[in-house]
């Protein structure tokens, strides 16, 4: 009986943790950029602007959907504001003083 209860508890915990996609580094980010969706843009095209390859774009796209509470198909509309998780905060450009 105890084994059944432990197995059930582990199953529940795994089910609850699944939406967090702990392997997705973007979901652990505390830095965000805010973008306004333009006409004919999609979550995919926005993710492509922030990444270097298709695999990374896919991971960022999943994070954008999760962070912004979008439907699983990632539907967005023009004018909608999205939080884009960043892996590294860009440093402001520095100008050398003469």
PDB file of N, CA and C in Angstrom:
ATOM      1  N   UNK A   1       0.822  -1.193   0.000  1.00  0.00           N
ATOM      2  CA  UNK A   1       0.000   0.000   0.000  1.00  0.00           C
ATOM      3  C   UNK A   1       0.864   1.254   0.000  1.00  0.00           C
ATOM      4  N   UNK A   2       1.959   1.242   0.800  1.00  0.00           N
ATOM      5  CA  UNK A   2       2.842   2.403   0.851  1.00  0.00           C
ATOM      6  C   UNK A   2       3.507   2.647  -0.495  1.00  0.00           C
ATOM      7  N   UNK A   3       3.901   1.562  -1.174  1.00  0.00           N
ATOM      8  CA  UNK A   3       4.544   1.704  -2.477  1.00  0.00           C
ATOM      9  C   UNK A   3       3.599   2.374  -3.463  1.00  0.00           C
ATOM     10  N   UNK A   4       2.350   2.004  -3.438  1.00  0.00           N
ATOM     11  CA  UNK A   4       1.361   2.589  -4.335  1.00  0.00           C
ATOM     12  C   UNK A   4       1.200   4.085  -4.057  1.00  0.00           C
ATOM     13  N   UNK A   5       1.187   4.459  -2.784  1.00  0.00           N
ATOM     14  CA  UNK A   5       1.061   5.867  -2.409  1.00  0.00           C
ATOM     15  C   UNK A   5       2.282   6.657  -2.862  1.00  0.00           C
ATOM     16  N   UNK A   6       3.475   6.092  -2.717  1.00  0.00           N
ATOM     17  CA  UNK A   6       4.706   6.767  -3.152  1.00  0.00           C
ATOM     18  C   UNK A   6       4.714   6.929  -4.668  1.00  0.00           C
ATOM     19  N   UNK A   7       4.338   5.899  -5.388  1.00  0.00           N
ATOM     20  CA  UNK A   7       4.292   5.966  -6.849  1.00  0.00           C
ATOM     21  C   UNK A   7       3.287   7.022  -7.293  1.00  0.00           C
ATOM     22  N   UNK A   8       2.147   7.069  -6.646  1.00  0.00           N
ATOM     23  CA  UNK A   8       1.135   8.069  -6.988  1.00  0.00           C
ATOM     24  C   UNK A   8       1.642   9.475  -6.701  1.00  0.00           C
ATOM     25  N   UNK A   9       2.318   9.653  -5.581  1.00  0.00           N
ATOM     26  CA  UNK A   9       2.861  10.963  -5.217  1.00  0.00           C
ATOM     27  C   UNK A   9       3.914  11.417  -6.227  1.00  0.00           C
ATOM     28  N   UNK A  10       4.806  10.523  -6.611  1.00  0.00           N
ATOM     29  CA  UNK A  10       5.836  10.844  -7.611  1.00  0.00           C
ATOM     30  C   UNK A  10       5.169  11.214  -8.937  1.00  0.00           C
ATOM     31  N   UNK A  11       4.161  10.477  -9.311  1.00  0.00           N
ATOM     32  CA  UNK A  11       3.437  10.787 -10.547  1.00  0.00           C
ATOM     33  C   UNK A  11       2.807  12.168 -10.525  1.00  0.00           C
ATOM     34  N   UNK A  12       2.206  12.520  -9.407  1.00  0.00           N
ATOM     35  CA  UNK A  12       1.591  13.843  -9.263  1.00  0.00           C
ATOM     36  C   UNK A  12       2.656  14.931  -9.330  1.00  0.00           C
ATOM     37  N   UNK A  13       3.764  14.736  -8.646  1.00  0.00           N
ATOM     38  CA  UNK A  13       4.846  15.727  -8.661  1.00  0.00           C
ATOM     39  C   UNK A  13       5.418  15.917 -10.064  1.00  0.00           C
ATOM     40  N   UNK A  14       5.611  14.829 -10.783  1.00  0.00           N
ATOM     41  CA  UNK A  14       6.114  14.931 -12.153  1.00  0.00           C
ATOM     42  C   UNK A  14       5.124  15.652 -13.056  1.00  0.00           C
ATOM     43  N   UNK A  15       3.860  15.400 -12.866  1.00  0.00           N
ATOM     44  CA  UNK A  15       2.827  16.067 -13.652  1.00  0.00           C
ATOM     45  C   UNK A  15       2.807  17.564 -13.365  1.00  0.00           C
ATOM     46  N   UNK A  16       2.963  17.935 -12.115  1.00  0.00           N
ATOM     47  CA  UNK A  16       2.959  19.351 -11.750  1.00  0.00           C
ATOM     48  C   UNK A  16       4.215  20.065 -12.229  1.00  0.00           C
ATOM     49  N   UNK A  17       5.356  19.379 -12.254  1.00  0.00           N
ATOM     50  CA  UNK A  17       6.619  20.003 -12.656  1.00  0.00           C
ATOM     51  C   UNK A  17       6.772  20.078 -14.170  1.00  0.00           C
ATOM     52  N   UNK A  18       6.053  19.270 -14.927  1.00  0.00           N
ATOM     53  CA  UNK A  18       6.205  19.222 -16.379  1.00  0.00           C
ATOM     54  C   UNK A  18       6.045  20.575 -17.057  1.00  0.00           C
ATOM     55  N   UNK A  19       5.079  21.409 -16.679  1.00  0.00           N
ATOM     56  CA  UNK A  19       4.927  22.683 -17.376  1.00  0.00           C
ATOM     57  C   UNK A  19       6.098  23.643 -17.183  1.00  0.00           C
ATOM     58  N   UNK A  20       6.947  23.401 -16.209  1.00  0.00           N
ATOM     59  CA  UNK A  20       8.037  24.329 -15.950  1.00  0.00           C
ATOM     60  C   UNK A  20       9.222  24.139 -16.883  1.00  0.00           C
ATOM     61  N   UNK A  21       9.286  23.063 -17.629  1.00  0.00           N
ATOM     62  CA  UNK A  21      10.352  22.833 -18.608  1.00  0.00           C
ATOM     63  C   UNK A  21      11.706  23.249 -18.036  1.00  0.00           C
ATOM     64  N   UNK A  22      12.096  22.651 -16.936  1.00  0.00           N
ATOM     65  CA  UNK A  22      13.289  23.077 -16.224  1.00  0.00           C
ATOM     66  C   UNK A  22      14.556  22.989 -17.065  1.00  0.00           C
ATOM     67  N   UNK A  23      14.521  22.268 -18.161  1.00  0.00           N
ATOM     68  CA  UNK A  23      15.678  22.201 -19.047  1.00  0.00           C
ATOM     69  C   UNK A  23      15.797  23.411 -19.945  1.00  0.00           C
ATOM     70  N   UNK A  24      14.785  24.256 -20.010  1.00  0.00           N
ATOM     71  CA  UNK A  24      14.789  25.437 -20.870  1.00  0.00           C
ATOM     72  C   UNK A  24      15.395  26.607 -20.093  1.00  0.00           C
ATOM     73  N   UNK A  25      16.621  26.979 -20.449  1.00  0.00           N
ATOM     74  CA  UNK A  25      17.338  28.047 -19.736  1.00  0.00           C
ATOM     75  C   UNK A  25      16.597  29.377 -19.798  1.00  0.00           C
ATOM     76  N   UNK A  26      15.862  29.619 -20.873  1.00  0.00           N
ATOM     77  CA  UNK A  26      15.127  30.878 -20.996  1.00  0.00           C
ATOM     78  C   UNK A  26      14.078  31.023 -19.892  1.00  0.00           C
ATOM     79  N   UNK A  27      13.527  29.913 -19.434  1.00  0.00           N
ATOM     80  CA  UNK A  27      12.503  29.968 -18.394  1.00  0.00           C
ATOM     81  C   UNK A  27      13.083  30.248 -17.015  1.00  0.00           C
ATOM     82  N   UNK A  28      14.388  30.159 -16.879  1.00  0.00           N
ATOM     83  CA  UNK A  28      15.049  30.489 -15.615  1.00  0.00           C
ATOM     84  C   UNK A  28      15.599  31.915 -15.621  1.00  0.00           C
ATOM     85  N   UNK A  29      15.415  32.611 -16.739  1.00  0.00           N
ATOM     86  CA  UNK A  29      15.964  33.954 -16.890  1.00  0.00           C
ATOM     87  C   UNK A  29      15.209  34.971 -16.034  1.00  0.00           C
ATOM     88  N   UNK A  30      15.947  35.955 -15.554  1.00  0.00           N
ATOM     89  CA  UNK A  30      15.311  37.057 -14.829  1.00  0.00           C
ATOM     90  C   UNK A  30      15.395  38.358 -15.631  1.00  0.00           C
ATOM     91  N   UNK A  31      16.016  38.293 -16.811  1.00  0.00           N
ATOM     92  CA  UNK A  31      16.130  39.453 -17.695  1.00  0.00           C
ATOM     93  C   UNK A  31      15.155  39.296 -18.855  1.00  0.00           C
ATOM     94  N   UNK A  32      14.418  40.382 -19.143  1.00  0.00           N
ATOM     95  CA  UNK A  32      13.427  40.340 -20.208  1.00  0.00           C
ATOM     96  C   UNK A  32      13.524  41.584 -21.071  1.00  0.00           C
ATOM     97  N   UNK A  33      13.197  41.405 -22.332  1.00  0.00           N
ATOM     98  CA  UNK A  33      13.009  42.512 -23.251  1.00  0.00           C
ATOM     99  C   UNK A  33      11.511  42.544 -23.532  1.00  0.00           C
ATOM    100  N   UNK A  34      10.959  43.719 -23.722  1.00  0.00           N
ATOM    101  CA  UNK A  34       9.543  43.847 -24.052  1.00  0.00           C
ATOM    102  C   UNK A  34       9.447  44.257 -25.520  1.00  0.00           C
ATOM    103  N   UNK A  35       8.680  43.504 -26.295  1.00  0.00           N
ATOM    104  CA  UNK A  35       8.476  43.849 -27.702  1.00  0.00           C
ATOM    105  C   UNK A  35       6.986  43.997 -27.971  1.00  0.00           C
ATOM    106  N   UNK A  36       6.680  44.827 -28.936  1.00  0.00           N
ATOM    107  CA  UNK A  36       5.307  44.974 -29.413  1.00  0.00           C
ATOM    108  C   UNK A  36       5.218  44.237 -30.736  1.00  0.00           C
ATOM    109  N   UNK A  37       4.293  43.307 -30.831  1.00  0.00           N
ATOM    110  CA  UNK A  37       4.135  42.503 -32.037  1.00  0.00           C
ATOM    111  C   UNK A  37       3.699  43.404 -33.187  1.00  0.00           C
ATOM    112  N   UNK A  38       4.411  43.280 -34.309  1.00  0.00           N
ATOM    113  CA  UNK A  38       4.065  44.038 -35.511  1.00  0.00           C
ATOM    114  C   UNK A  38       3.173  43.184 -36.402  1.00  0.00           C
ATOM    115  N   UNK A  39       2.544  43.831 -37.342  1.00  0.00           N
ATOM    116  CA  UNK A  39       1.673  43.136 -38.294  1.00  0.00           C
ATOM    117  C   UNK A  39       2.469  42.031 -38.997  1.00  0.00           C
ATOM    118  N   UNK A  40       1.862  40.884 -39.141  1.00  0.00           N
ATOM    119  CA  UNK A  40       2.438  39.702 -39.805  1.00  0.00           C
ATOM    120  C   UNK A  40       3.613  39.085 -39.059  1.00  0.00           C
ATOM    121  N   UNK A  41       3.821  39.435 -37.802  1.00  0.00           N
ATOM    122  CA  UNK A  41       4.860  38.790 -37.003  1.00  0.00           C
ATOM    123  C   UNK A  41       4.263  37.600 -36.267  1.00  0.00           C
ATOM    124  N   UNK A  42       5.130  36.683 -35.910  1.00  0.00           N
ATOM    125  CA  UNK A  42       4.730  35.521 -35.119  1.00  0.00           C
ATOM    126  C   UNK A  42       5.737  35.338 -33.997  1.00  0.00           C
ATOM    127  N   UNK A  43       5.420  34.468 -33.083  1.00  0.00           N
ATOM    128  CA  UNK A  43       6.357  34.172 -32.004  1.00  0.00           C
ATOM    129  C   UNK A  43       7.655  33.636 -32.610  1.00  0.00           C
ATOM    130  N   UNK A  44       7.539  32.846 -33.657  1.00  0.00           N
ATOM    131  CA  UNK A  44       8.727  32.278 -34.316  1.00  0.00           C
ATOM    132  C   UNK A  44       9.626  33.377 -34.881  1.00  0.00           C
ATOM    133  N   UNK A  45       9.060  34.342 -35.613  1.00  0.00           N
ATOM    134  CA  UNK A  45       9.897  35.400 -36.211  1.00  0.00           C
ATOM    135  C   UNK A  45      10.541  36.263 -35.127  1.00  0.00           C
ATOM    136  N   UNK A  46       9.832  36.474 -34.029  1.00  0.00           N
ATOM    137  CA  UNK A  46      10.403  37.237 -32.920  1.00  0.00           C
ATOM    138  C   UNK A  46      11.544  36.435 -32.291  1.00  0.00           C
ATOM    139  N   UNK A  47      11.341  35.155 -32.063  1.00  0.00           N
ATOM    140  CA  UNK A  47      12.389  34.304 -31.476  1.00  0.00           C
ATOM    141  C   UNK A  47      13.627  34.275 -32.372  1.00  0.00           C
ATOM    142  N   UNK A  48      13.427  34.259 -33.670  1.00  0.00           N
ATOM    143  CA  UNK A  48      14.563  34.241 -34.597  1.00  0.00           C
ATOM    144  C   UNK A  48      15.430  35.492 -34.469  1.00  0.00           C
ATOM    145  N   UNK A  49      14.832  36.626 -34.116  1.00  0.00           N
ATOM    146  CA  UNK A  49      15.603  37.870 -33.964  1.00  0.00           C
ATOM    147  C   UNK A  49      16.550  37.803 -32.770  1.00  0.00           C
ATOM    148  N   UNK A  50      16.233  36.965 -31.796  1.00  0.00           N
ATOM    149  CA  UNK A  50      17.007  36.899 -30.561  1.00  0.00           C
ATOM    150  C   UNK A  50      17.952  35.701 -30.492  1.00  0.00           C
ATOM    151  N   UNK A  51      17.985  34.882 -31.520  1.00  0.00           N
ATOM    152  CA  UNK A  51      18.791  33.662 -31.469  1.00  0.00           C
ATOM    153  C   UNK A  51      19.639  33.522 -32.726  1.00  0.00           C
ATOM    154  N   UNK A  52      20.521  32.521 -32.691  1.00  0.00           N
ATOM    155  CA  UNK A  52      21.462  32.321 -33.792  1.00  0.00           C
ATOM    156  C   UNK A  52      21.144  31.120 -34.685  1.00  0.00           C
ATOM    157  N   UNK A  53      20.309  30.210 -34.205  1.00  0.00           N
ATOM    158  CA  UNK A  53      19.998  29.031 -35.024  1.00  0.00           C
ATOM    159  C   UNK A  53      18.577  28.552 -34.738  1.00  0.00           C
ATOM    160  N   UNK A  54      18.096  27.670 -35.611  1.00  0.00           N
ATOM    161  CA  UNK A  54      16.704  27.213 -35.528  1.00  0.00           C
ATOM    162  C   UNK A  54      16.415  26.453 -34.229  1.00  0.00           C
ATOM    163  N   UNK A  55      17.372  25.664 -33.760  1.00  0.00           N
ATOM    164  CA  UNK A  55      17.141  24.901 -32.528  1.00  0.00           C
ATOM    165  C   UNK A  55      16.966  25.838 -31.335  1.00  0.00           C
ATOM    166  N   UNK A  56      17.805  26.856 -31.257  1.00  0.00           N
ATOM    167  CA  UNK A  56      17.695  27.820 -30.164  1.00  0.00           C
ATOM    168  C   UNK A  56      16.413  28.642 -30.312  1.00  0.00           C
ATOM    169  N   UNK A  57      16.026  28.957 -31.550  1.00  0.00           N
ATOM    170  CA  UNK A  57      14.782  29.697 -31.787  1.00  0.00           C
ATOM    171  C   UNK A  57      13.583  28.913 -31.275  1.00  0.00           C
ATOM    172  N   UNK A  58      13.598  27.603 -31.480  1.00  0.00           N
ATOM    173  CA  UNK A  58      12.503  26.749 -31.020  1.00  0.00           C
ATOM    174  C   UNK A  58      12.391  26.782 -29.497  1.00  0.00           C
ATOM    175  N   UNK A  59      13.526  26.707 -28.815  1.00  0.00           N
ATOM    176  CA  UNK A  59      13.536  26.729 -27.356  1.00  0.00           C
ATOM    177  C   UNK A  59      13.034  28.083 -26.851  1.00  0.00           C
ATOM    178  N   UNK A  60      13.499  29.185 -27.478  1.00  0.00           N
ATOM    179  CA  UNK A  60      13.044  30.516 -27.073  1.00  0.00           C
ATOM    180  C   UNK A  60      11.561  30.684 -27.366  1.00  0.00           C
ATOM    181  N   UNK A  61      11.102  30.183 -28.498  1.00  0.00           N
ATOM    182  CA  UNK A  61       9.684  30.288 -28.841  1.00  0.00           C
ATOM    183  C   UNK A  61       8.826  29.608 -27.765  1.00  0.00           C
ATOM    184  N   UNK A  62       9.230  28.436 -27.324  1.00  0.00           N
ATOM    185  CA  UNK A  62       8.497  27.735 -26.267  1.00  0.00           C
ATOM    186  C   UNK A  62       8.480  28.559 -24.979  1.00  0.00           C
ATOM    187  N   UNK A  63       9.607  29.197 -24.666  1.00  0.00           N
ATOM    188  CA  UNK A  63       9.686  30.024 -23.459  1.00  0.00           C
ATOM    189  C   UNK A  63       8.797  31.260 -23.581  1.00  0.00           C
ATOM    190  N   UNK A  64       8.779  31.890 -24.754  1.00  0.00           N
ATOM    191  CA  UNK A  64       7.929  33.071 -24.963  1.00  0.00           C
ATOM    192  C   UNK A  64       6.463  32.699 -24.756  1.00  0.00           C
ATOM    193  N   UNK A  65       6.063  31.568 -25.297  1.00  0.00           N
ATOM    194  CA  UNK A  65       4.685  31.096 -25.139  1.00  0.00           C
ATOM    195  C   UNK A  65       4.368  30.878 -23.666  1.00  0.00           C
ATOM    196  N   UNK A  66       5.278  30.236 -22.950  1.00  0.00           N
ATOM    197  CA  UNK A  66       5.068  29.939 -21.527  1.00  0.00           C
ATOM    198  C   UNK A  66       5.046  31.213 -20.676  1.00  0.00           C
ATOM    199  N   UNK A  67       6.035  32.065 -20.864  1.00  0.00           N
ATOM    200  CA  UNK A  67       6.169  33.281 -20.052  1.00  0.00           C
ATOM    201  C   UNK A  67       4.979  34.224 -20.235  1.00  0.00           C
ATOM    202  N   UNK A  68       4.460  34.274 -21.453  1.00  0.00           N
ATOM    203  CA  UNK A  68       3.370  35.205 -21.751  1.00  0.00           C
ATOM    204  C   UNK A  68       1.991  34.577 -21.656  1.00  0.00           C
ATOM    205  N   UNK A  69       1.924  33.309 -21.283  1.00  0.00           N
ATOM    206  CA  UNK A  69       0.633  32.636 -21.128  1.00  0.00           C
ATOM    207  C   UNK A  69      -0.148  32.537 -22.427  1.00  0.00           C
ATOM    208  N   UNK A  70       0.572  32.348 -23.543  1.00  0.00           N
ATOM    209  CA  UNK A  70      -0.091  32.247 -24.841  1.00  0.00           C
ATOM    210  C   UNK A  70      -0.652  30.841 -25.035  1.00  0.00           C
ATOM    211  N   UNK A  71      -1.559  30.711 -25.981  1.00  0.00           N
ATOM    212  CA  UNK A  71      -2.060  29.374 -26.307  1.00  0.00           C
ATOM    213  C   UNK A  71      -0.906  28.563 -26.885  1.00  0.00           C
ATOM    214  N   UNK A  72      -1.033  27.253 -26.860  1.00  0.00           N
ATOM    215  CA  UNK A  72       0.069  26.384 -27.279  1.00  0.00           C
ATOM    216  C   UNK A  72       0.488  26.592 -28.727  1.00  0.00           C
ATOM    217  N   UNK A  73      -0.401  27.133 -29.561  1.00  0.00           N
ATOM    218  CA  UNK A  73      -0.007  27.397 -30.949  1.00  0.00           C
ATOM    219  C   UNK A  73       0.743  28.721 -31.095  1.00  0.00           C
ATOM    220  N   UNK A  74       0.854  29.500 -30.018  1.00  0.00           N
ATOM    221  CA  UNK A  74       1.620  30.736 -30.037  1.00  0.00           C
ATOM    222  C   UNK A  74       0.961  31.879 -30.785  1.00  0.00           C
ATOM    223  N   UNK A  75      -0.344  31.862 -30.881  1.00  0.00           N
ATOM    224  CA  UNK A  75      -1.049  32.923 -31.598  1.00  0.00           C
ATOM    225  C   UNK A  75      -0.835  34.272 -30.916  1.00  0.00           C
ATOM    226  N   UNK A  76      -0.497  35.285 -31.726  1.00  0.00           N
ATOM    227  CA  UNK A  76      -0.340  36.653 -31.234  1.00  0.00           C
ATOM    228  C   UNK A  76      -1.039  37.598 -32.211  1.00  0.00           C
ATOM    229  N   UNK A  77      -1.270  38.832 -31.762  1.00  0.00           N
ATOM    230  CA  UNK A  77      -1.911  39.818 -32.629  1.00  0.00           C
ATOM    231  C   UNK A  77      -1.059  41.077 -32.651  1.00  0.00           C
ATOM    232  N   UNK A  78      -1.158  41.832 -33.714  1.00  0.00           N
ATOM    233  CA  UNK A  78      -0.423  43.086 -33.833  1.00  0.00           C
ATOM    234  C   UNK A  78      -0.788  43.999 -32.671  1.00  0.00           C
ATOM    235  N   UNK A  79       0.231  44.646 -32.107  1.00  0.00           N
ATOM    236  CA  UNK A  79       0.022  45.541 -30.985  1.00  0.00           C
ATOM    237  C   UNK A  79       0.166  44.878 -29.626  1.00  0.00           C
ATOM    238  N   UNK A  80       0.169  43.571 -29.588  1.00  0.00           N
ATOM    239  CA  UNK A  80       0.310  42.839 -28.333  1.00  0.00           C
ATOM    240  C   UNK A  80       1.751  42.978 -27.820  1.00  0.00           C
ATOM    241  N   UNK A  81       1.914  43.175 -26.538  1.00  0.00           N
ATOM    242  CA  UNK A  81       3.242  43.274 -25.928  1.00  0.00           C
ATOM    243  C   UNK A  81       3.638  41.917 -25.363  1.00  0.00           C
ATOM    244  N   UNK A  82       4.871  41.522 -25.637  1.00  0.00           N
ATOM    245  CA  UNK A  82       5.387  40.243 -25.170  1.00  0.00           C
ATOM    246  C   UNK A  82       6.668  40.441 -24.375  1.00  0.00           C
ATOM    247  N   UNK A  83       6.815  39.649 -23.334  1.00  0.00           N
ATOM    248  CA  UNK A  83       8.073  39.601 -22.584  1.00  0.00           C
ATOM    249  C   UNK A  83       8.948  38.538 -23.234  1.00  0.00           C
ATOM    250  N   UNK A  84      10.175  38.930 -23.590  1.00  0.00           N
ATOM    251  CA  UNK A  84      11.105  38.006 -24.215  1.00  0.00           C
ATOM    252  C   UNK A  84      12.222  37.715 -23.216  1.00  0.00           C
ATOM    253  N   UNK A  85      12.328  36.470 -22.734  1.00  0.00           N
ATOM    254  CA  UNK A  85      13.393  36.146 -21.783  1.00  0.00           C
ATOM    255  C   UNK A  85      14.752  36.185 -22.476  1.00  0.00           C
ATOM    256  N   UNK A  86      15.731  36.748 -21.800  1.00  0.00           N
ATOM    257  CA  UNK A  86      17.082  36.868 -22.341  1.00  0.00           C
ATOM    258  C   UNK A  86      18.036  36.017 -21.519  1.00  0.00           C
ATOM    259  N   UNK A  87      18.968  35.364 -22.210  1.00  0.00           N
ATOM    260  CA  UNK A  87      19.948  34.555 -21.491  1.00  0.00           C
ATOM    261  C   UNK A  87      21.047  35.412 -20.897  1.00  0.00           C
ATOM    262  N   UNK A  88      21.447  36.437 -21.604  1.00  0.00           N
ATOM    263  CA  UNK A  88      22.471  37.341 -21.098  1.00  0.00           C
ATOM    264  C   UNK A  88      21.975  38.754 -21.298  1.00  0.00           C
ATOM    265  N   UNK A  89      22.127  39.571 -20.284  1.00  0.00           N
ATOM    266  CA  UNK A  89      21.727  40.956 -20.415  1.00  0.00           C
ATOM    267  C   UNK A  89      22.785  41.680 -21.229  1.00  0.00           C
ATOM    268  N   UNK A  90      22.354  42.344 -22.279  1.00  0.00           N
ATOM    269  CA  UNK A  90      23.277  43.073 -23.131  1.00  0.00           C
ATOM    270  C   UNK A  90      23.850  44.253 -22.359  1.00  0.00           C
ATOM    271  N   UNK A  91      25.131  44.433 -22.491  1.00  0.00           N
ATOM    272  CA  UNK A  91      25.772  45.552 -21.829  1.00  0.00           C
ATOM    273  C   UNK A  91      25.587  46.814 -22.670  1.00  0.00           C
ATOM    274  N   UNK A  92      25.354  47.948 -22.042  1.00  0.00           N
ATOM    275  CA  UNK A  92      25.213  49.175 -22.813  1.00  0.00           C
ATOM    276  C   UNK A  92      26.538  49.477 -23.529  1.00  0.00           C
ATOM    277  N   UNK A  93      26.433  50.037 -24.706  1.00  0.00           N
ATOM    278  CA  UNK A  93      27.645  50.358 -25.450  1.00  0.00           C
ATOM    279  C   UNK A  93      28.436  51.422 -24.700  1.00  0.00           C
ATOM    280  N   UNK A  94      29.712  51.249 -24.694  1.00  0.00           N
ATOM    281  CA  UNK A  94      30.568  52.185 -23.989  1.00  0.00           C
ATOM    282  C   UNK A  94      31.359  53.004 -24.996  1.00  0.00           C
ATOM    283  N   UNK A  95      31.444  54.290 -24.749  1.00  0.00           N
ATOM    284  CA  UNK A  95      32.193  55.182 -25.627  1.00  0.00           C
ATOM    285  C   UNK A  95      33.429  55.628 -24.857  1.00  0.00           C
ATOM    286  N   UNK A  96      34.578  55.466 -25.473  1.00  0.00           N
ATOM    287  CA  UNK A  96      35.826  55.871 -24.815  1.00  0.00           C
ATOM    288  C   UNK A  96      35.939  57.383 -24.797  1.00  0.00           C
ATOM    289  N   UNK A  97      36.275  57.930 -23.652  1.00  0.00           N
ATOM    290  CA  UNK A  97      36.457  59.371 -23.534  1.00  0.00           C
ATOM    291  C   UNK A  97      37.880  59.732 -23.950  1.00  0.00           C
ATOM    292  N   UNK A  98      37.995  60.838 -24.679  1.00  0.00           N
ATOM    293  CA  UNK A  98      39.322  61.288 -25.103  1.00  0.00           C
ATOM    294  C   UNK A  98      39.788  62.425 -24.264  1.00  0.00           C
TER     295      UNK A  98
END
